[in-house]
């Protein structure tokens, strides 16, 4: 019983971590899409595009956090384990790497 309670509490913390990641992506979205173009002398569209992409990533984090939390709770109720699919982990990793590279390129190429 204690192990199940600890697992459920860990699942709640993980759900909140998905939310924190989503909120962080939203903050980066505002910074990249609105703040950087306001203080930059270069073209604003690359930063606005990155801001939109970071915003979409934030939505994905929050939505997937709910899906994952629900899957783990359902598996716990059945006495099973809900593994994180490799495709999801790979997709989020690829998106993160692409956004990181895009940000570096926009900063380097956008500087005067």
C-alpha atoms as a PDB file:
ATOM      1  CA  UNK A   1       0.000   0.000   0.000  1.00  0.00           C
ATOM      2  CA  UNK A   2       2.783   2.473   0.869  1.00  0.00           C
ATOM      3  CA  UNK A   3       4.563   1.779  -2.406  1.00  0.00           C
ATOM      4  CA  UNK A   4       1.394   2.537  -4.367  1.00  0.00           C
ATOM      5  CA  UNK A   5       0.902   5.790  -2.453  1.00  0.00           C
ATOM      6  CA  UNK A   6       4.495   6.817  -3.115  1.00  0.00           C
ATOM      7  CA  UNK A   7       4.090   5.956  -6.785  1.00  0.00           C
ATOM      8  CA  UNK A   8       0.913   8.014  -7.025  1.00  0.00           C
ATOM      9  CA  UNK A   9       2.613  10.963  -5.326  1.00  0.00           C
ATOM     10  CA  UNK A  10       5.564  10.611  -7.714  1.00  0.00           C
ATOM     11  CA  UNK A  11       3.092  10.607 -10.599  1.00  0.00           C
ATOM     12  CA  UNK A  12       1.586  13.848  -9.295  1.00  0.00           C
ATOM     13  CA  UNK A  13       5.045  15.428  -9.065  1.00  0.00           C
ATOM     14  CA  UNK A  14       5.797  14.302 -12.598  1.00  0.00           C
ATOM     15  CA  UNK A  15       2.517  15.778 -13.808  1.00  0.00           C
ATOM     16  CA  UNK A  16       3.470  19.083 -12.214  1.00  0.00           C
ATOM     17  CA  UNK A  17       6.893  18.852 -13.877  1.00  0.00           C
ATOM     18  CA  UNK A  18       5.186  18.584 -17.276  1.00  0.00           C
ATOM     19  CA  UNK A  19       3.237  21.728 -16.341  1.00  0.00           C
ATOM     20  CA  UNK A  20       6.424  23.539 -15.270  1.00  0.00           C
ATOM     21  CA  UNK A  21       8.052  22.611 -18.553  1.00  0.00           C
ATOM     22  CA  UNK A  22       5.019  23.907 -20.426  1.00  0.00           C
ATOM     23  CA  UNK A  23       4.988  27.184 -18.497  1.00  0.00           C
ATOM     24  CA  UNK A  24       8.712  27.590 -19.124  1.00  0.00           C
ATOM     25  CA  UNK A  25       8.173  27.069 -22.843  1.00  0.00           C
ATOM     26  CA  UNK A  26       5.419  29.710 -22.742  1.00  0.00           C
ATOM     27  CA  UNK A  27       7.800  32.165 -21.061  1.00  0.00           C
ATOM     28  CA  UNK A  28      10.494  31.466 -23.658  1.00  0.00           C
ATOM     29  CA  UNK A  29       7.841  31.931 -26.323  1.00  0.00           C
ATOM     30  CA  UNK A  30       7.073  35.432 -25.088  1.00  0.00           C
ATOM     31  CA  UNK A  31      10.751  36.267 -24.703  1.00  0.00           C
ATOM     32  CA  UNK A  32      11.773  35.015 -28.121  1.00  0.00           C
ATOM     33  CA  UNK A  33       8.673  36.136 -30.005  1.00  0.00           C
ATOM     34  CA  UNK A  34       8.001  39.535 -28.446  1.00  0.00           C
ATOM     35  CA  UNK A  35      10.836  40.801 -26.259  1.00  0.00           C
ATOM     36  CA  UNK A  36      13.839  39.981 -28.440  1.00  0.00           C
ATOM     37  CA  UNK A  37      12.372  41.546 -31.611  1.00  0.00           C
ATOM     38  CA  UNK A  38      11.532  44.692 -29.625  1.00  0.00           C
ATOM     39  CA  UNK A  39      15.174  45.245 -28.667  1.00  0.00           C
ATOM     40  CA  UNK A  40      16.775  43.839 -31.803  1.00  0.00           C
ATOM     41  CA  UNK A  41      17.715  45.805 -34.891  1.00  0.00           C
ATOM     42  CA  UNK A  42      17.565  42.795 -37.189  1.00  0.00           C
ATOM     43  CA  UNK A  43      14.574  41.083 -38.743  1.00  0.00           C
ATOM     44  CA  UNK A  44      11.961  40.010 -36.219  1.00  0.00           C
ATOM     45  CA  UNK A  45      10.366  37.113 -38.113  1.00  0.00           C
ATOM     46  CA  UNK A  46      12.906  34.437 -37.069  1.00  0.00           C
ATOM     47  CA  UNK A  47      12.336  35.230 -33.394  1.00  0.00           C
ATOM     48  CA  UNK A  48       8.569  35.429 -33.871  1.00  0.00           C
ATOM     49  CA  UNK A  49       8.630  32.009 -35.568  1.00  0.00           C
ATOM     50  CA  UNK A  50      10.716  30.584 -32.730  1.00  0.00           C
ATOM     51  CA  UNK A  51       8.341  32.144 -30.217  1.00  0.00           C
ATOM     52  CA  UNK A  52       5.403  30.455 -31.881  1.00  0.00           C
ATOM     53  CA  UNK A  53       7.219  27.132 -31.940  1.00  0.00           C
ATOM     54  CA  UNK A  54       8.118  27.397 -28.249  1.00  0.00           C
ATOM     55  CA  UNK A  55       4.470  28.221 -27.514  1.00  0.00           C
ATOM     56  CA  UNK A  56       3.360  25.118 -29.396  1.00  0.00           C
ATOM     57  CA  UNK A  57       5.886  23.065 -27.440  1.00  0.00           C
ATOM     58  CA  UNK A  58       4.412  24.442 -24.211  1.00  0.00           C
ATOM     59  CA  UNK A  59       0.938  23.350 -25.278  1.00  0.00           C
ATOM     60  CA  UNK A  60       2.328  19.897 -26.122  1.00  0.00           C
ATOM     61  CA  UNK A  61       3.987  19.602 -22.696  1.00  0.00           C
ATOM     62  CA  UNK A  62       0.814  20.514 -20.809  1.00  0.00           C
ATOM     63  CA  UNK A  63      -1.424  18.283 -22.938  1.00  0.00           C
ATOM     64  CA  UNK A  64       0.927  15.304 -22.875  1.00  0.00           C
ATOM     65  CA  UNK A  65       1.419  15.756 -19.134  1.00  0.00           C
ATOM     66  CA  UNK A  66      -2.276  15.101 -18.642  1.00  0.00           C
ATOM     67  CA  UNK A  67      -2.278  12.128 -21.009  1.00  0.00           C
ATOM     68  CA  UNK A  68       0.753  10.638 -19.254  1.00  0.00           C
ATOM     69  CA  UNK A  69      -0.654  11.247 -15.755  1.00  0.00           C
ATOM     70  CA  UNK A  70      -3.889   9.532 -16.735  1.00  0.00           C
ATOM     71  CA  UNK A  71      -2.073   6.571 -18.304  1.00  0.00           C
ATOM     72  CA  UNK A  72       0.044   6.023 -15.190  1.00  0.00           C
ATOM     73  CA  UNK A  73      -2.972   6.273 -12.873  1.00  0.00           C
ATOM     74  CA  UNK A  74      -4.905   3.793 -15.002  1.00  0.00           C
ATOM     75  CA  UNK A  75      -1.965   1.386 -15.041  1.00  0.00           C
ATOM     76  CA  UNK A  76      -1.592   1.673 -11.257  1.00  0.00           C
ATOM     77  CA  UNK A  77      -5.272   0.868 -10.791  1.00  0.00           C
ATOM     78  CA  UNK A  78      -4.721  -2.326 -12.810  1.00  0.00           C
ATOM     79  CA  UNK A  79      -1.488  -3.144 -10.987  1.00  0.00           C
ATOM     80  CA  UNK A  80       0.582  -2.540 -14.116  1.00  0.00           C
ATOM     81  CA  UNK A  81       3.317  -0.204 -15.311  1.00  0.00           C
ATOM     82  CA  UNK A  82       2.839   2.487 -17.976  1.00  0.00           C
ATOM     83  CA  UNK A  83       6.062   2.892 -19.888  1.00  0.00           C
ATOM     84  CA  UNK A  84       6.877   6.175 -21.618  1.00  0.00           C
ATOM     85  CA  UNK A  85       6.913   5.383 -25.324  1.00  0.00           C
ATOM     86  CA  UNK A  86      10.234   5.863 -27.061  1.00  0.00           C
ATOM     87  CA  UNK A  87       8.523   7.702 -29.920  1.00  0.00           C
ATOM     88  CA  UNK A  88       7.253  10.408 -27.552  1.00  0.00           C
ATOM     89  CA  UNK A  89      10.631  10.823 -25.876  1.00  0.00           C
ATOM     90  CA  UNK A  90      12.363  10.932 -29.267  1.00  0.00           C
ATOM     91  CA  UNK A  91       9.878  13.431 -30.703  1.00  0.00           C
ATOM     92  CA  UNK A  92      10.251  15.795 -27.744  1.00  0.00           C
ATOM     93  CA  UNK A  93      14.031  15.463 -27.907  1.00  0.00           C
ATOM     94  CA  UNK A  94      14.143  16.211 -31.637  1.00  0.00           C
ATOM     95  CA  UNK A  95      11.835  19.204 -31.228  1.00  0.00           C
ATOM     96  CA  UNK A  96      13.958  20.524 -28.353  1.00  0.00           C
ATOM     97  CA  UNK A  97      17.182  20.121 -30.322  1.00  0.00           C
ATOM     98  CA  UNK A  98      15.687  21.813 -33.391  1.00  0.00           C
ATOM     99  CA  UNK A  99      14.409  24.719 -31.320  1.00  0.00           C
ATOM    100  CA  UNK A 100      17.788  25.040 -29.616  1.00  0.00           C
ATOM    101  CA  UNK A 101      19.661  25.053 -32.923  1.00  0.00           C
ATOM    102  CA  UNK A 102      17.122  27.488 -34.378  1.00  0.00           C
ATOM    103  CA  UNK A 103      17.568  29.811 -31.423  1.00  0.00           C
ATOM    104  CA  UNK A 104      21.354  29.745 -31.702  1.00  0.00           C
ATOM    105  CA  UNK A 105      21.157  30.406 -35.444  1.00  0.00           C
ATOM    106  CA  UNK A 106      18.686  33.261 -35.012  1.00  0.00           C
ATOM    107  CA  UNK A 107      20.902  34.885 -32.389  1.00  0.00           C
ATOM    108  CA  UNK A 108      24.137  34.425 -34.328  1.00  0.00           C
ATOM    109  CA  UNK A 109      22.768  35.335 -37.754  1.00  0.00           C
ATOM    110  CA  UNK A 110      20.527  38.102 -36.423  1.00  0.00           C
ATOM    111  CA  UNK A 111      23.265  40.005 -34.637  1.00  0.00           C
ATOM    112  CA  UNK A 112      24.755  43.021 -36.365  1.00  0.00           C
END
